[in-house]
Amino acid sequence: MDANHARTLLMTQHQAIRTSLGRCLGIAKRLRTGDADELELALALEGMRADVYQHNLSESALIRPLLAQGQRWGDLLIDRMIEEHLAEHVAMWTVLEQATRTVAFELEELAEDLDAHMAAEERTFLAPHVLREDVITQHSK
C-alpha cells in the first residue's frame, strides 16, 4: 500500500475510534447515573476495543515499512513510534481490560489520553507533509 492510501486508512480508523469512544462515553455516563446497564457498555467497549486493535495492527503493518524507506529519518521516526506507542498502548489496554463498571468510571481520562495519542500521531508520522510518497522517496536517497 502506498503512503497516501495508508494515511487515508489510518485517519479513517482514527475517526472510527473517536466515534466508538464517543458512544462509549455516553453509555458510561448513563451507567454511572443508573440509566444504562453494564451489558450495553460492555458491547460498546467490545466494538471500540476491536477498532483500536485493528488500528494498532494496521499501524504496525503499514507505517514501519513506509517510514523505513526514508533512510535519513525513517529510523528516528520508527524509534519514536515504538517507544511512545508501547507505553501508551500498555496504559490504554490496562484500562480497557478492567471490569466494565470500572471502565465506566475511568473512561473520560482514557478518552483524553487516547485523543491526545491520536492527535500526536496525526501531527507526526501521519502528517500529510511526512507520510507522502514524494517525501519518503526524497529521504531515501
N, C-alpha and C. Protein backbone atom coordinates (compact mmCIF):
# COMPACT_ATOMS: atom_id res chain seq x y z
N MET A 1 0.86 -1.17 0.00
CA MET A 1 0.00 0.00 0.00
C MET A 1 0.90 1.23 0.00
N ASP A 2 0.55 2.21 -0.81
CA ASP A 2 1.37 3.42 -0.86
C ASP A 2 1.05 4.33 0.33
N ALA A 3 1.89 5.33 0.53
CA ALA A 3 1.78 6.22 1.69
C ALA A 3 0.44 6.94 1.76
N ASN A 4 -0.05 7.43 0.64
CA ASN A 4 -1.31 8.17 0.65
C ASN A 4 -2.48 7.30 1.05
N HIS A 5 -2.51 6.07 0.54
CA HIS A 5 -3.59 5.16 0.92
C HIS A 5 -3.46 4.73 2.39
N ALA A 6 -2.23 4.51 2.84
CA ALA A 6 -2.01 4.13 4.24
C ALA A 6 -2.49 5.24 5.16
N ARG A 7 -2.12 6.47 4.83
CA ARG A 7 -2.53 7.62 5.64
C ARG A 7 -4.06 7.73 5.68
N THR A 8 -4.71 7.58 4.54
CA THR A 8 -6.17 7.66 4.48
C THR A 8 -6.80 6.57 5.34
N LEU A 9 -6.30 5.35 5.24
CA LEU A 9 -6.83 4.24 6.03
C LEU A 9 -6.68 4.52 7.52
N LEU A 10 -5.49 4.92 7.94
CA LEU A 10 -5.24 5.14 9.35
C LEU A 10 -6.04 6.33 9.89
N MET A 11 -6.19 7.36 9.11
CA MET A 11 -7.00 8.50 9.55
C MET A 11 -8.48 8.11 9.64
N THR A 12 -8.93 7.27 8.72
CA THR A 12 -10.31 6.76 8.78
C THR A 12 -10.50 5.93 10.04
N GLN A 13 -9.50 5.13 10.38
CA GLN A 13 -9.57 4.34 11.61
C GLN A 13 -9.61 5.24 12.84
N HIS A 14 -8.84 6.33 12.82
CA HIS A 14 -8.91 7.28 13.93
C HIS A 14 -10.33 7.80 14.11
N GLN A 15 -10.96 8.14 13.00
CA GLN A 15 -12.33 8.65 13.10
C GLN A 15 -13.28 7.59 13.66
N ALA A 16 -13.10 6.35 13.25
CA ALA A 16 -13.93 5.26 13.78
C ALA A 16 -13.71 5.09 15.28
N ILE A 17 -12.46 5.20 15.72
CA ILE A 17 -12.16 5.09 17.16
C ILE A 17 -12.82 6.24 17.91
N ARG A 18 -12.71 7.44 17.37
CA ARG A 18 -13.33 8.59 18.03
C ARG A 18 -14.85 8.42 18.13
N THR A 19 -15.46 7.89 17.08
CA THR A 19 -16.91 7.64 17.10
C THR A 19 -17.25 6.59 18.14
N SER A 20 -16.52 5.49 18.17
CA SER A 20 -16.75 4.43 19.17
C SER A 20 -16.54 4.96 20.58
N LEU A 21 -15.50 5.74 20.74
CA LEU A 21 -15.20 6.30 22.06
C LEU A 21 -16.32 7.22 22.53
N GLY A 22 -16.83 8.05 21.62
CA GLY A 22 -17.95 8.92 21.97
C GLY A 22 -19.18 8.13 22.40
N ARG A 23 -19.45 7.05 21.69
CA ARG A 23 -20.59 6.19 22.05
C ARG A 23 -20.37 5.59 23.44
N CYS A 24 -19.15 5.10 23.69
CA CYS A 24 -18.84 4.50 25.00
C CYS A 24 -18.93 5.54 26.12
N LEU A 25 -18.44 6.74 25.87
CA LEU A 25 -18.52 7.79 26.88
C LEU A 25 -19.97 8.09 27.25
N GLY A 26 -20.82 8.16 26.25
CA GLY A 26 -22.24 8.42 26.51
C GLY A 26 -22.88 7.32 27.34
N ILE A 27 -22.59 6.09 27.00
CA ILE A 27 -23.16 4.96 27.76
C ILE A 27 -22.57 4.93 29.16
N ALA A 28 -21.26 5.18 29.30
CA ALA A 28 -20.62 5.18 30.62
C ALA A 28 -21.25 6.23 31.53
N LYS A 29 -21.52 7.39 30.97
CA LYS A 29 -22.16 8.45 31.76
C LYS A 29 -23.53 8.00 32.23
N ARG A 30 -24.29 7.38 31.32
CA ARG A 30 -25.62 6.89 31.69
C ARG A 30 -25.52 5.75 32.71
N LEU A 31 -24.51 4.91 32.59
CA LEU A 31 -24.32 3.81 33.54
C LEU A 31 -24.02 4.37 34.93
N ARG A 32 -23.21 5.40 35.01
CA ARG A 32 -22.87 5.99 36.30
C ARG A 32 -24.09 6.61 36.98
N THR A 33 -25.07 7.03 36.20
CA THR A 33 -26.29 7.60 36.80
C THR A 33 -27.42 6.58 36.90
N GLY A 34 -27.17 5.35 36.51
CA GLY A 34 -28.17 4.30 36.62
C GLY A 34 -29.12 4.21 35.45
N ASP A 35 -28.83 4.92 34.35
CA ASP A 35 -29.72 4.91 33.19
C ASP A 35 -29.29 3.95 32.09
N ALA A 36 -28.25 3.16 32.33
CA ALA A 36 -27.81 2.15 31.37
C ALA A 36 -27.30 0.96 32.18
N ASP A 37 -27.20 -0.17 31.52
CA ASP A 37 -26.67 -1.33 32.24
C ASP A 37 -25.27 -1.68 31.72
N GLU A 38 -24.58 -2.51 32.48
CA GLU A 38 -23.21 -2.87 32.14
C GLU A 38 -23.11 -3.59 30.81
N LEU A 39 -24.11 -4.37 30.45
CA LEU A 39 -24.07 -5.10 29.19
C LEU A 39 -24.01 -4.14 28.01
N GLU A 40 -24.78 -3.06 28.06
CA GLU A 40 -24.76 -2.09 26.97
C GLU A 40 -23.36 -1.49 26.81
N LEU A 41 -22.72 -1.14 27.92
CA LEU A 41 -21.38 -0.59 27.85
C LEU A 41 -20.38 -1.66 27.42
N ALA A 42 -20.55 -2.86 27.93
CA ALA A 42 -19.63 -3.95 27.56
C ALA A 42 -19.64 -4.18 26.06
N LEU A 43 -20.80 -4.15 25.44
CA LEU A 43 -20.90 -4.35 23.99
C LEU A 43 -20.25 -3.20 23.23
N ALA A 44 -20.48 -1.98 23.70
CA ALA A 44 -19.87 -0.82 23.05
C ALA A 44 -18.36 -0.85 23.21
N LEU A 45 -17.88 -1.22 24.39
CA LEU A 45 -16.44 -1.33 24.62
C LEU A 45 -15.81 -2.41 23.75
N GLU A 46 -16.54 -3.49 23.55
CA GLU A 46 -16.04 -4.56 22.68
C GLU A 46 -15.80 -4.04 21.27
N GLY A 47 -16.73 -3.24 20.77
CA GLY A 47 -16.56 -2.64 19.44
C GLY A 47 -15.39 -1.68 19.40
N MET A 48 -15.23 -0.86 20.45
CA MET A 48 -14.13 0.09 20.48
C MET A 48 -12.79 -0.65 20.59
N ARG A 49 -12.74 -1.67 21.41
CA ARG A 49 -11.50 -2.46 21.52
C ARG A 49 -11.12 -3.05 20.16
N ALA A 50 -12.11 -3.53 19.43
CA ALA A 50 -11.84 -4.09 18.10
C ALA A 50 -11.30 -3.02 17.16
N ASP A 51 -11.88 -1.81 17.22
CA ASP A 51 -11.40 -0.71 16.38
C ASP A 51 -9.95 -0.35 16.72
N VAL A 52 -9.65 -0.25 18.01
CA VAL A 52 -8.30 0.10 18.45
C VAL A 52 -7.31 -1.01 18.09
N TYR A 53 -7.71 -2.24 18.31
CA TYR A 53 -6.84 -3.37 17.99
C TYR A 53 -6.52 -3.41 16.50
N GLN A 54 -7.52 -3.24 15.66
CA GLN A 54 -7.30 -3.25 14.22
C GLN A 54 -6.40 -2.09 13.80
N HIS A 55 -6.60 -0.93 14.41
CA HIS A 55 -5.76 0.23 14.10
C HIS A 55 -4.31 -0.05 14.49
N ASN A 56 -4.09 -0.63 15.66
CA ASN A 56 -2.73 -0.95 16.08
C ASN A 56 -2.07 -1.91 15.10
N LEU A 57 -2.80 -2.91 14.65
CA LEU A 57 -2.26 -3.85 13.65
C LEU A 57 -1.93 -3.13 12.35
N SER A 58 -2.84 -2.27 11.91
CA SER A 58 -2.63 -1.55 10.66
C SER A 58 -1.41 -0.65 10.75
N GLU A 59 -1.27 0.06 11.85
CA GLU A 59 -0.10 0.92 12.02
C GLU A 59 1.19 0.13 11.91
N SER A 60 1.25 -0.97 12.63
CA SER A 60 2.46 -1.79 12.61
C SER A 60 2.77 -2.31 11.22
N ALA A 61 1.74 -2.74 10.53
CA ALA A 61 1.94 -3.34 9.21
C ALA A 61 2.25 -2.31 8.14
N LEU A 62 1.71 -1.11 8.25
CA LEU A 62 1.82 -0.13 7.18
C LEU A 62 2.89 0.94 7.40
N ILE A 63 2.93 1.49 8.59
CA ILE A 63 3.78 2.65 8.82
C ILE A 63 5.26 2.29 8.86
N ARG A 64 5.60 1.24 9.59
CA ARG A 64 7.02 0.88 9.71
C ARG A 64 7.67 0.70 8.34
N PRO A 65 7.12 -0.11 7.44
CA PRO A 65 7.78 -0.29 6.14
C PRO A 65 7.88 1.01 5.33
N LEU A 66 6.85 1.85 5.42
CA LEU A 66 6.89 3.11 4.68
C LEU A 66 7.95 4.05 5.23
N LEU A 67 7.98 4.21 6.55
CA LEU A 67 8.95 5.11 7.14
C LEU A 67 10.38 4.58 7.01
N ALA A 68 10.52 3.28 7.00
CA ALA A 68 11.86 2.68 6.87
C ALA A 68 12.48 3.01 5.52
N GLN A 69 11.66 3.34 4.53
CA GLN A 69 12.18 3.72 3.22
C GLN A 69 12.94 5.04 3.29
N GLY A 70 12.55 5.90 4.21
CA GLY A 70 13.24 7.18 4.38
C GLY A 70 14.45 7.00 5.25
N GLN A 71 15.53 6.53 4.67
CA GLN A 71 16.71 6.11 5.43
C GLN A 71 17.27 7.20 6.33
N ARG A 72 17.19 8.45 5.91
CA ARG A 72 17.80 9.51 6.72
C ARG A 72 17.00 9.82 7.98
N TRP A 73 15.68 9.65 7.93
CA TRP A 73 14.89 9.95 9.12
C TRP A 73 13.93 8.85 9.50
N GLY A 74 13.81 7.83 8.70
CA GLY A 74 12.86 6.76 8.99
C GLY A 74 13.13 6.06 10.30
N ASP A 75 14.40 5.75 10.57
CA ASP A 75 14.73 5.05 11.81
C ASP A 75 14.38 5.89 13.04
N LEU A 76 14.60 7.20 12.97
CA LEU A 76 14.26 8.07 14.10
C LEU A 76 12.76 8.08 14.35
N LEU A 77 11.97 8.17 13.29
CA LEU A 77 10.52 8.17 13.46
C LEU A 77 10.03 6.80 13.95
N ILE A 78 10.61 5.75 13.44
CA ILE A 78 10.21 4.40 13.88
C ILE A 78 10.53 4.21 15.35
N ASP A 79 11.74 4.63 15.77
CA ASP A 79 12.11 4.51 17.18
C ASP A 79 11.13 5.28 18.07
N ARG A 80 10.78 6.49 17.64
CA ARG A 80 9.83 7.30 18.41
C ARG A 80 8.47 6.62 18.47
N MET A 81 8.01 6.11 17.33
CA MET A 81 6.72 5.46 17.27
C MET A 81 6.69 4.27 18.22
N ILE A 82 7.71 3.45 18.18
CA ILE A 82 7.74 2.26 19.02
C ILE A 82 7.77 2.63 20.50
N GLU A 83 8.64 3.54 20.85
CA GLU A 83 8.78 3.95 22.25
C GLU A 83 7.48 4.53 22.80
N GLU A 84 6.91 5.48 22.09
CA GLU A 84 5.69 6.12 22.56
C GLU A 84 4.50 5.17 22.50
N HIS A 85 4.40 4.43 21.43
CA HIS A 85 3.24 3.56 21.26
C HIS A 85 3.19 2.44 22.28
N LEU A 86 4.31 1.83 22.54
CA LEU A 86 4.29 0.73 23.50
C LEU A 86 3.80 1.20 24.86
N ALA A 87 4.33 2.30 25.34
CA ALA A 87 3.91 2.81 26.65
C ALA A 87 2.44 3.21 26.64
N GLU A 88 2.02 3.92 25.60
CA GLU A 88 0.64 4.38 25.53
C GLU A 88 -0.33 3.21 25.34
N HIS A 89 0.04 2.26 24.53
CA HIS A 89 -0.84 1.12 24.30
C HIS A 89 -1.00 0.28 25.56
N VAL A 90 0.09 0.07 26.28
CA VAL A 90 0.00 -0.70 27.53
C VAL A 90 -0.93 0.01 28.51
N ALA A 91 -0.76 1.32 28.67
CA ALA A 91 -1.62 2.07 29.60
C ALA A 91 -3.08 2.01 29.17
N MET A 92 -3.32 2.16 27.87
CA MET A 92 -4.69 2.14 27.36
C MET A 92 -5.33 0.77 27.57
N TRP A 93 -4.62 -0.29 27.21
CA TRP A 93 -5.20 -1.63 27.34
C TRP A 93 -5.38 -2.01 28.80
N THR A 94 -4.54 -1.49 29.68
CA THR A 94 -4.70 -1.76 31.11
C THR A 94 -6.06 -1.25 31.58
N VAL A 95 -6.47 -0.08 31.12
CA VAL A 95 -7.78 0.46 31.48
C VAL A 95 -8.89 -0.32 30.79
N LEU A 96 -8.75 -0.55 29.49
CA LEU A 96 -9.83 -1.19 28.73
C LEU A 96 -10.11 -2.63 29.14
N GLU A 97 -9.14 -3.31 29.73
CA GLU A 97 -9.33 -4.71 30.09
C GLU A 97 -9.87 -4.90 31.51
N GLN A 98 -10.19 -3.82 32.19
CA GLN A 98 -10.77 -3.92 33.52
C GLN A 98 -12.25 -4.27 33.42
N ALA A 99 -12.85 -4.49 34.57
CA ALA A 99 -14.29 -4.76 34.63
C ALA A 99 -15.04 -3.57 34.04
N THR A 100 -16.15 -3.86 33.39
CA THR A 100 -16.93 -2.84 32.69
C THR A 100 -17.30 -1.67 33.59
N ARG A 101 -17.75 -1.94 34.78
CA ARG A 101 -18.14 -0.85 35.70
C ARG A 101 -16.93 0.02 36.04
N THR A 102 -15.77 -0.57 36.21
CA THR A 102 -14.55 0.19 36.49
C THR A 102 -14.21 1.08 35.30
N VAL A 103 -14.30 0.53 34.10
CA VAL A 103 -14.02 1.31 32.89
C VAL A 103 -14.96 2.50 32.81
N ALA A 104 -16.21 2.31 33.20
CA ALA A 104 -17.18 3.40 33.15
C ALA A 104 -16.71 4.62 33.94
N PHE A 105 -15.97 4.38 35.01
CA PHE A 105 -15.50 5.49 35.84
C PHE A 105 -14.14 6.02 35.42
N GLU A 106 -13.43 5.29 34.57
CA GLU A 106 -12.10 5.71 34.12
C GLU A 106 -12.07 6.12 32.65
N LEU A 107 -13.19 6.01 31.98
CA LEU A 107 -13.22 6.20 30.54
C LEU A 107 -12.96 7.64 30.11
N GLU A 108 -13.40 8.61 30.88
CA GLU A 108 -13.18 10.00 30.48
C GLU A 108 -11.69 10.33 30.43
N GLU A 109 -10.94 9.89 31.42
CA GLU A 109 -9.49 10.12 31.41
C GLU A 109 -8.83 9.36 30.26
N LEU A 110 -9.27 8.13 30.04
CA LEU A 110 -8.74 7.35 28.93
C LEU A 110 -9.05 8.04 27.60
N ALA A 111 -10.26 8.59 27.48
CA ALA A 111 -10.65 9.27 26.24
C ALA A 111 -9.73 10.44 25.96
N GLU A 112 -9.40 11.20 26.98
CA GLU A 112 -8.47 12.33 26.81
C GLU A 112 -7.10 11.83 26.35
N ASP A 113 -6.62 10.77 27.00
CA ASP A 113 -5.31 10.21 26.64
C ASP A 113 -5.32 9.66 25.22
N LEU A 114 -6.37 8.95 24.87
CA LEU A 114 -6.46 8.35 23.54
C LEU A 114 -6.56 9.42 22.46
N ASP A 115 -7.35 10.46 22.73
CA ASP A 115 -7.46 11.54 21.76
C ASP A 115 -6.11 12.24 21.59
N ALA A 116 -5.40 12.47 22.69
CA ALA A 116 -4.07 13.10 22.61
C ALA A 116 -3.10 12.20 21.84
N HIS A 117 -3.20 10.91 22.04
CA HIS A 117 -2.36 9.93 21.34
C HIS A 117 -2.60 10.00 19.83
N MET A 118 -3.86 10.00 19.43
CA MET A 118 -4.17 10.06 18.01
C MET A 118 -3.78 11.41 17.42
N ALA A 119 -3.99 12.49 18.16
CA ALA A 119 -3.60 13.81 17.67
C ALA A 119 -2.09 13.89 17.47
N ALA A 120 -1.32 13.28 18.38
CA ALA A 120 0.14 13.27 18.23
C ALA A 120 0.54 12.48 16.98
N GLU A 121 -0.11 11.36 16.74
CA GLU A 121 0.16 10.59 15.51
C GLU A 121 -0.12 11.45 14.28
N GLU A 122 -1.23 12.17 14.32
CA GLU A 122 -1.63 12.98 13.17
C GLU A 122 -0.68 14.15 12.94
N ARG A 123 -0.01 14.62 14.00
CA ARG A 123 0.97 15.70 13.85
C ARG A 123 2.34 15.18 13.43
N THR A 124 2.61 13.91 13.70
CA THR A 124 3.95 13.38 13.42
C THR A 124 3.92 12.49 12.19
N PHE A 125 3.94 11.18 12.39
CA PHE A 125 4.12 10.30 11.24
C PHE A 125 2.91 10.14 10.34
N LEU A 126 1.74 10.62 10.74
CA LEU A 126 0.59 10.61 9.83
C LEU A 126 0.36 11.97 9.18
N ALA A 127 1.20 12.92 9.48
CA ALA A 127 1.04 14.26 8.92
C ALA A 127 1.21 14.22 7.40
N PRO A 128 0.42 15.00 6.69
CA PRO A 128 0.49 14.99 5.22
C PRO A 128 1.88 15.34 4.68
N HIS A 129 2.63 16.14 5.43
CA HIS A 129 3.97 16.50 4.96
C HIS A 129 5.01 15.43 5.29
N VAL A 130 4.63 14.39 6.01
CA VAL A 130 5.55 13.29 6.34
C VAL A 130 5.19 12.04 5.57
N LEU A 131 3.96 11.59 5.68
CA LEU A 131 3.55 10.32 5.08
C LEU A 131 3.04 10.56 3.67
N ARG A 132 4.00 10.85 2.77
CA ARG A 132 3.71 11.05 1.35
C ARG A 132 4.81 10.35 0.57
N GLU A 133 4.43 9.79 -0.55
CA GLU A 133 5.40 9.07 -1.37
C GLU A 133 6.59 9.94 -1.77
N ASP A 134 6.32 11.18 -2.19
CA ASP A 134 7.42 12.03 -2.64
C ASP A 134 8.37 12.38 -1.50
N VAL A 135 7.85 12.56 -0.29
CA VAL A 135 8.71 12.86 0.85
C VAL A 135 9.53 11.64 1.22
N ILE A 136 8.89 10.49 1.25
CA ILE A 136 9.61 9.25 1.58
C ILE A 136 10.70 8.99 0.55
N THR A 137 10.38 9.16 -0.72
CA THR A 137 11.36 8.95 -1.78
C THR A 137 12.52 9.93 -1.64
N GLN A 138 12.22 11.18 -1.35
CA GLN A 138 13.25 12.20 -1.18
C GLN A 138 14.23 11.83 -0.07
N HIS A 139 13.72 11.29 1.02
CA HIS A 139 14.58 10.95 2.17
C HIS A 139 15.22 9.57 2.05
N SER A 140 14.95 8.87 0.98
CA SER A 140 15.55 7.54 0.81
C SER A 140 16.86 7.61 0.04
N LYS A 141 17.21 8.79 -0.43
CA LYS A 141 18.43 8.95 -1.22
C LYS A 141 19.64 9.20 -0.34
